[in-house]
Amino acid sequence: MLVSAKEMLEKARDGHYAVGQFNINNLEWTKAILMTAEELKSPVILGVSEGAGKYMTGYKTVVGMVNGMLEELKITVPVALHLDHGSYEGALKCIEAGFSSVMFDGSHYPIDENVEKTTELVKLCAEKGLSLEAEVGSIGGEEDGVVGMGEVADPAECKRIADLGVTMLAAGIGNIHGKYPENWPGLRFDALEAIKALTGSMPLVLHGGTGIPEDMIKKAISLGVAKINVNTECQLSFAAATREYIEAGKDLQGKGFDPRKLLAPGTEAIKATVKEKMELFGSIGKA
């Protein structure tokens, strides 16, 4: 049964660890993440971008697949199904389709409009018992065709959004989506501390978790980050394992072309990546 991310993130904040949001793209991704979470007794958030939702033919398909897996795989750990970087319309569609959590990314709007739209969603999500993530200061890099340079959020704006009653807040602190460039200056911990000082007990979210050095991840968690998003890293490990399988000619041996065999190494690679992240985030055994 899908749950809101509220309780798992409050426990993570109080326990000084973080829950990973791992984005899903298809059946293999979803299965690998759920099985790893269950094996390691870790709470988990399945993230779905609007592009991935469209790729999987729509949000209802995603909800059907995830609910089916929770039952068939006998998953006992807390699982939230979360819209990642949602538009206002996308958030409404996911609420209707049965997601247990949504993100409304209003960071590209003027702050007053971000506040206005977030306020409406706070009300809707509260009625249905769903968790809501909001964003201030856009995250850099490229995600689903959106390219930005990693802004640093204004702490006063963060407070305005946090005070609306959202469950968690994503604030730009120089983090970016995708691979980090060689000259990346690192996370702005001064900004994170200033945001934390004004938003109090609000669980904070770190987007673009791929490629941030481990010591920076640990420091961010110590400063109030309770949710960390990982996507690119799973994609890279899946691609590398699939490439290795095909380059070794295994798809030409026996029934090696069978998609269940062809996609197995990539699926195992996702599991290994998720396990590594859960260890780093400190969420193992916290379900």
Protein backbone atom coordinates (compact mmCIF):
# COMPACT_ATOMS: atom_id res chain seq x y z
CA MET A 1 0.00 0.00 0.00
CA LEU A 2 1.45 3.35 -1.04
CA VAL A 3 2.02 5.88 1.71
CA SER A 4 2.65 9.61 1.84
CA ALA A 5 6.31 10.57 2.27
CA LYS A 6 5.53 12.72 5.33
CA GLU A 7 6.18 10.21 8.10
CA MET A 8 9.27 8.63 6.51
CA LEU A 9 10.86 12.06 6.00
CA GLU A 10 10.09 13.28 9.51
CA LYS A 11 11.68 10.10 10.89
CA ALA A 12 14.69 10.63 8.61
CA ARG A 13 15.05 14.26 9.71
CA ASP A 14 14.91 13.30 13.41
CA GLY A 15 17.22 10.32 12.89
CA HIS A 16 19.77 12.26 10.81
CA TYR A 17 19.60 10.09 7.70
CA ALA A 18 17.97 10.60 4.31
CA VAL A 19 15.44 8.64 2.26
CA GLY A 20 16.40 8.13 -1.37
CA GLN A 21 14.07 9.04 -4.19
CA PHE A 22 14.95 6.81 -7.10
CA ASN A 23 13.33 7.70 -10.40
CA ILE A 24 11.61 4.89 -12.29
CA ASN A 25 11.49 4.53 -16.06
CA ASN A 26 9.97 1.10 -16.63
CA LEU A 27 9.18 -2.26 -15.04
CA GLU A 28 12.84 -3.25 -14.52
CA TRP A 29 13.63 -0.02 -12.72
CA THR A 30 10.61 -0.27 -10.44
CA LYS A 31 11.19 -3.93 -9.60
CA ALA A 32 14.91 -3.42 -8.89
CA ILE A 33 14.29 -0.48 -6.54
CA LEU A 34 11.42 -2.13 -4.65
CA MET A 35 13.27 -5.43 -4.20
CA THR A 36 16.37 -3.64 -2.90
CA ALA A 37 14.34 -1.51 -0.48
CA GLU A 38 12.59 -4.62 0.87
CA GLU A 39 15.84 -6.59 1.18
CA LEU A 40 17.57 -3.75 3.04
CA LYS A 41 14.47 -2.79 5.06
CA SER A 42 14.69 0.81 3.87
CA PRO A 43 11.85 3.25 3.21
CA VAL A 44 11.89 4.43 -0.40
CA ILE A 45 10.38 7.04 -2.72
CA LEU A 46 9.73 6.15 -6.35
CA GLY A 47 10.07 9.28 -8.46
CA VAL A 48 8.30 9.77 -11.78
CA SER A 49 9.11 12.75 -13.99
CA GLU A 50 6.41 13.99 -16.35
CA GLY A 51 8.50 12.70 -19.26
CA ALA A 52 8.81 9.22 -17.71
CA GLY A 53 5.09 9.22 -16.92
CA LYS A 54 4.35 9.93 -20.56
CA TYR A 55 6.85 7.26 -21.68
CA MET A 56 5.08 4.67 -19.50
CA THR A 57 1.82 5.69 -21.28
CA GLY A 58 0.37 7.71 -18.40
CA TYR A 59 0.13 8.03 -14.64
CA LYS A 60 -2.63 5.45 -14.25
CA THR A 61 -0.38 2.81 -15.84
CA VAL A 62 2.38 3.73 -13.39
CA VAL A 63 0.03 3.54 -10.38
CA GLY A 64 -1.32 0.17 -11.58
CA MET A 65 2.16 -1.28 -12.04
CA VAL A 66 3.50 -0.04 -8.70
CA ASN A 67 0.43 -1.15 -6.71
CA GLY A 68 0.56 -4.55 -8.40
CA MET A 69 4.22 -4.97 -7.51
CA LEU A 70 3.74 -3.97 -3.87
CA GLU A 71 1.25 -6.82 -3.60
CA GLU A 72 3.01 -9.45 -5.74
CA LEU A 73 6.47 -8.83 -4.27
CA LYS A 74 4.97 -8.65 -0.74
CA ILE A 75 6.64 -5.32 -0.01
CA THR A 76 6.42 -4.39 3.68
CA VAL A 77 8.61 -1.25 3.75
CA PRO A 78 7.06 2.23 3.34
CA VAL A 79 6.87 3.21 -0.34
CA ALA A 80 5.77 6.60 -1.67
CA LEU A 81 5.01 7.16 -5.36
CA HIS A 82 6.02 10.73 -6.12
CA LEU A 83 5.71 13.07 -9.09
CA ASP A 84 9.12 14.67 -9.74
CA HIS A 85 9.33 18.30 -10.94
CA GLY A 86 5.63 18.43 -11.68
CA SER A 87 3.78 21.25 -13.36
CA TYR A 88 0.56 22.41 -11.70
CA GLU A 89 -1.50 20.42 -14.24
CA GLY A 90 0.75 17.38 -13.86
CA ALA A 91 0.31 17.47 -10.08
CA LEU A 92 -3.48 17.48 -10.47
CA LYS A 93 -3.31 14.50 -12.86
CA CYS A 94 -1.12 12.50 -10.47
CA ILE A 95 -3.38 13.24 -7.52
CA GLU A 96 -6.29 11.95 -9.58
CA ALA A 97 -4.37 8.87 -10.78
CA GLY A 98 -3.51 7.70 -7.25
CA PHE A 99 0.02 8.92 -6.52
CA SER A 100 0.73 9.22 -2.79
CA SER A 101 2.99 12.25 -3.12
CA VAL A 102 3.56 15.06 -5.62
CA MET A 103 6.11 17.74 -6.29
CA PHE A 104 5.01 21.04 -7.69
CA ASP A 105 7.99 22.84 -9.17
CA GLY A 106 7.03 26.49 -9.27
CA SER A 107 10.65 27.67 -9.09
CA HIS A 108 10.51 29.24 -12.57
CA TYR A 109 7.49 31.41 -11.65
CA PRO A 110 7.76 34.74 -9.84
CA ILE A 111 7.64 33.96 -6.10
CA ASP A 112 4.07 35.30 -5.67
CA GLU A 113 2.76 32.94 -8.34
CA ASN A 114 4.75 30.03 -6.86
CA VAL A 115 3.14 30.82 -3.48
CA GLU A 116 -0.35 31.06 -4.98
CA LYS A 117 -0.19 27.74 -6.86
CA THR A 118 1.55 25.95 -3.99
CA THR A 119 -1.15 27.18 -1.58
CA GLU A 120 -3.88 25.56 -3.71
CA LEU A 121 -2.00 22.26 -3.85
CA VAL A 122 -1.34 22.28 -0.08
CA LYS A 123 -5.11 22.34 0.42
CA LEU A 124 -5.76 19.57 -2.12
CA CYS A 125 -3.02 17.30 -0.79
CA ALA A 126 -4.10 17.82 2.82
CA GLU A 127 -7.65 16.72 1.96
CA LYS A 128 -6.35 13.50 0.40
CA GLY A 129 -3.53 12.81 2.87
CA LEU A 130 -0.77 13.16 0.26
CA SER A 131 2.66 14.69 0.78
CA LEU A 132 3.70 17.75 -1.22
CA GLU A 133 7.15 18.92 -2.23
CA ALA A 134 7.72 22.50 -3.38
CA GLU A 135 10.78 24.12 -4.93
CA VAL A 136 12.52 27.46 -4.61
CA GLY A 137 15.52 28.39 -6.79
CA SER A 138 15.73 26.15 -9.85
CA ILE A 139 18.06 23.16 -9.84
CA GLY A 140 20.69 23.36 -12.57
CA GLY A 141 21.63 20.92 -15.31
CA GLU A 142 19.27 19.28 -17.73
CA GLU A 143 16.15 17.39 -16.75
CA ASP A 144 13.56 16.49 -19.33
CA GLY A 145 14.76 19.26 -21.65
CA VAL A 146 14.92 21.91 -18.93
CA VAL A 147 18.42 23.39 -18.62
CA GLY A 148 19.50 25.62 -15.72
CA MET A 149 22.74 26.63 -14.02
CA GLY A 150 22.09 25.68 -10.39
CA GLU A 151 20.67 28.73 -8.65
CA VAL A 152 21.02 29.36 -4.96
CA ALA A 153 17.60 29.82 -3.39
CA ASP A 154 16.73 32.92 -1.39
CA PRO A 155 16.23 31.80 2.26
CA ALA A 156 13.41 34.34 2.77
CA GLU A 157 11.52 32.90 -0.23
CA CYS A 158 12.13 29.39 1.14
CA LYS A 159 10.50 30.46 4.40
CA ARG A 160 7.46 31.85 2.53
CA ILE A 161 6.92 28.52 0.77
CA ALA A 162 7.69 26.39 3.86
CA ASP A 163 5.15 28.38 5.90
CA LEU A 164 2.37 27.38 3.48
CA GLY A 165 2.34 23.89 4.99
CA VAL A 166 4.20 21.86 2.37
CA THR A 167 5.67 18.54 3.53
CA MET A 168 9.19 19.07 2.17
CA LEU A 169 11.15 21.74 0.39
CA ALA A 170 13.61 21.48 -2.48
CA ALA A 171 15.95 24.46 -2.41
CA GLY A 172 18.66 25.10 -4.95
CA ILE A 173 22.11 25.17 -3.28
CA GLY A 174 24.26 24.95 -6.39
CA ASN A 175 23.24 21.34 -7.13
CA ILE A 176 22.48 20.25 -10.70
CA HIS A 177 20.83 17.35 -12.50
CA GLY A 178 22.87 14.95 -14.58
CA LYS A 179 26.66 14.71 -14.54
CA TYR A 180 28.53 17.46 -12.71
CA PRO A 181 31.03 19.47 -14.80
CA GLU A 182 34.75 19.40 -13.88
CA ASN A 183 34.65 23.01 -12.65
CA TRP A 184 31.61 22.58 -10.37
CA PRO A 185 32.28 24.63 -7.21
CA GLY A 186 30.39 22.29 -4.86
CA LEU A 187 27.32 22.61 -2.67
CA ARG A 188 26.69 25.93 -0.94
CA PHE A 189 26.49 24.88 2.69
CA ASP A 190 26.24 28.50 3.84
CA ALA A 191 23.01 28.79 1.84
CA LEU A 192 21.74 25.47 3.22
CA GLU A 193 22.40 26.62 6.79
CA ALA A 194 20.62 29.94 6.17
CA ILE A 195 17.61 28.11 4.64
CA LYS A 196 17.52 25.65 7.56
CA ALA A 197 17.65 28.52 10.07
CA LEU A 198 14.50 30.07 8.55
CA THR A 199 12.52 26.91 7.70
CA GLY A 200 13.04 25.16 11.03
CA SER A 201 11.94 21.54 11.10
CA MET A 202 10.95 21.37 7.41
CA PRO A 203 12.57 18.28 5.77
CA LEU A 204 14.79 19.55 2.95
CA VAL A 205 15.33 17.85 -0.41
CA LEU A 206 18.55 17.59 -2.38
CA HIS A 207 18.01 17.12 -6.12
CA GLY A 208 20.77 15.98 -8.44
CA GLY A 209 22.24 13.41 -6.04
CA THR A 210 24.33 11.77 -8.78
CA GLY A 211 27.99 12.70 -8.58
CA ILE A 212 27.95 14.77 -5.39
CA PRO A 213 30.96 13.61 -3.31
CA GLU A 214 30.08 11.41 -0.32
CA ASP A 215 31.38 13.83 2.30
CA MET A 216 29.15 16.59 0.86
CA ILE A 217 26.13 14.25 0.94
CA LYS A 218 26.82 13.42 4.59
CA LYS A 219 27.25 17.08 5.51
CA ALA A 220 24.00 17.99 3.72
CA ILE A 221 22.16 15.29 5.71
CA SER A 222 23.63 16.67 8.96
CA LEU A 223 22.24 20.09 7.98
CA GLY A 224 18.64 18.94 7.53
CA VAL A 225 18.44 17.22 4.13
CA ALA A 226 16.05 14.27 4.58
CA LYS A 227 15.39 13.30 0.93
CA ILE A 228 17.95 12.86 -1.84
CA ASN A 229 17.04 12.29 -5.48
CA VAL A 230 18.97 9.84 -7.64
CA ASN A 231 18.28 9.22 -11.31
CA THR A 232 21.27 9.59 -13.64
CA GLU A 233 23.44 7.18 -11.63
CA CYS A 234 20.97 4.31 -12.06
CA GLN A 235 20.70 5.08 -15.78
CA LEU A 236 24.48 5.04 -16.19
CA SER A 237 24.92 1.74 -14.33
CA PHE A 238 22.04 0.14 -16.28
CA ALA A 239 23.55 1.28 -19.59
CA ALA A 240 27.05 0.08 -18.69
CA ALA A 241 25.85 -3.41 -17.70
CA THR A 242 23.70 -3.72 -20.83
CA ARG A 243 26.60 -2.60 -23.03
CA GLU A 244 28.87 -5.19 -21.41
CA TYR A 245 26.34 -7.98 -22.02
CA ILE A 246 25.94 -7.11 -25.70
CA GLU A 247 29.63 -6.44 -26.34
CA ALA A 248 30.42 -9.88 -24.88
CA GLY A 249 28.05 -11.31 -27.50
CA LYS A 250 25.79 -12.87 -24.85
CA ASP A 251 22.67 -11.84 -26.73
CA LEU A 252 23.82 -14.18 -29.54
CA GLN A 253 24.28 -17.23 -27.29
CA GLY A 254 21.30 -19.55 -26.89
CA LYS A 255 18.25 -17.56 -25.83
CA GLY A 256 20.39 -14.58 -24.83
CA PHE A 257 18.22 -12.29 -26.95
CA ASP A 258 15.23 -12.92 -24.67
CA PRO A 259 14.47 -9.50 -23.11
CA ARG A 260 14.29 -11.11 -19.67
CA LYS A 261 17.91 -12.21 -20.10
CA LEU A 262 19.03 -9.13 -22.00
CA LEU A 263 17.75 -6.73 -19.33
CA ALA A 264 18.81 -8.82 -16.31
CA PRO A 265 22.39 -7.48 -15.94
CA GLY A 266 21.14 -3.88 -16.11
CA THR A 267 18.48 -4.63 -13.52
CA GLU A 268 21.11 -6.10 -11.17
CA ALA A 269 23.27 -3.02 -11.75
CA ILE A 270 20.39 -0.76 -10.66
CA LYS A 271 20.02 -2.86 -7.48
CA ALA A 272 23.72 -2.42 -6.70
CA THR A 273 23.53 1.34 -7.25
CA VAL A 274 20.42 1.69 -5.06
CA LYS A 275 22.06 -0.36 -2.30
CA GLU A 276 25.17 1.82 -2.41
CA LYS A 277 23.04 4.97 -2.12
CA MET A 278 20.90 3.61 0.72
CA GLU A 279 24.11 2.79 2.62
CA LEU A 280 25.41 6.31 2.04
CA PHE A 281 22.10 7.96 2.99
CA GLY A 282 21.83 5.86 6.16
CA SER A 283 18.30 4.55 5.47
CA ILE A 284 19.05 0.81 5.72
CA GLY A 285 17.08 -0.91 8.48
CA LYS A 286 14.97 2.21 9.08
CA ALA A 287 11.70 0.85 7.62
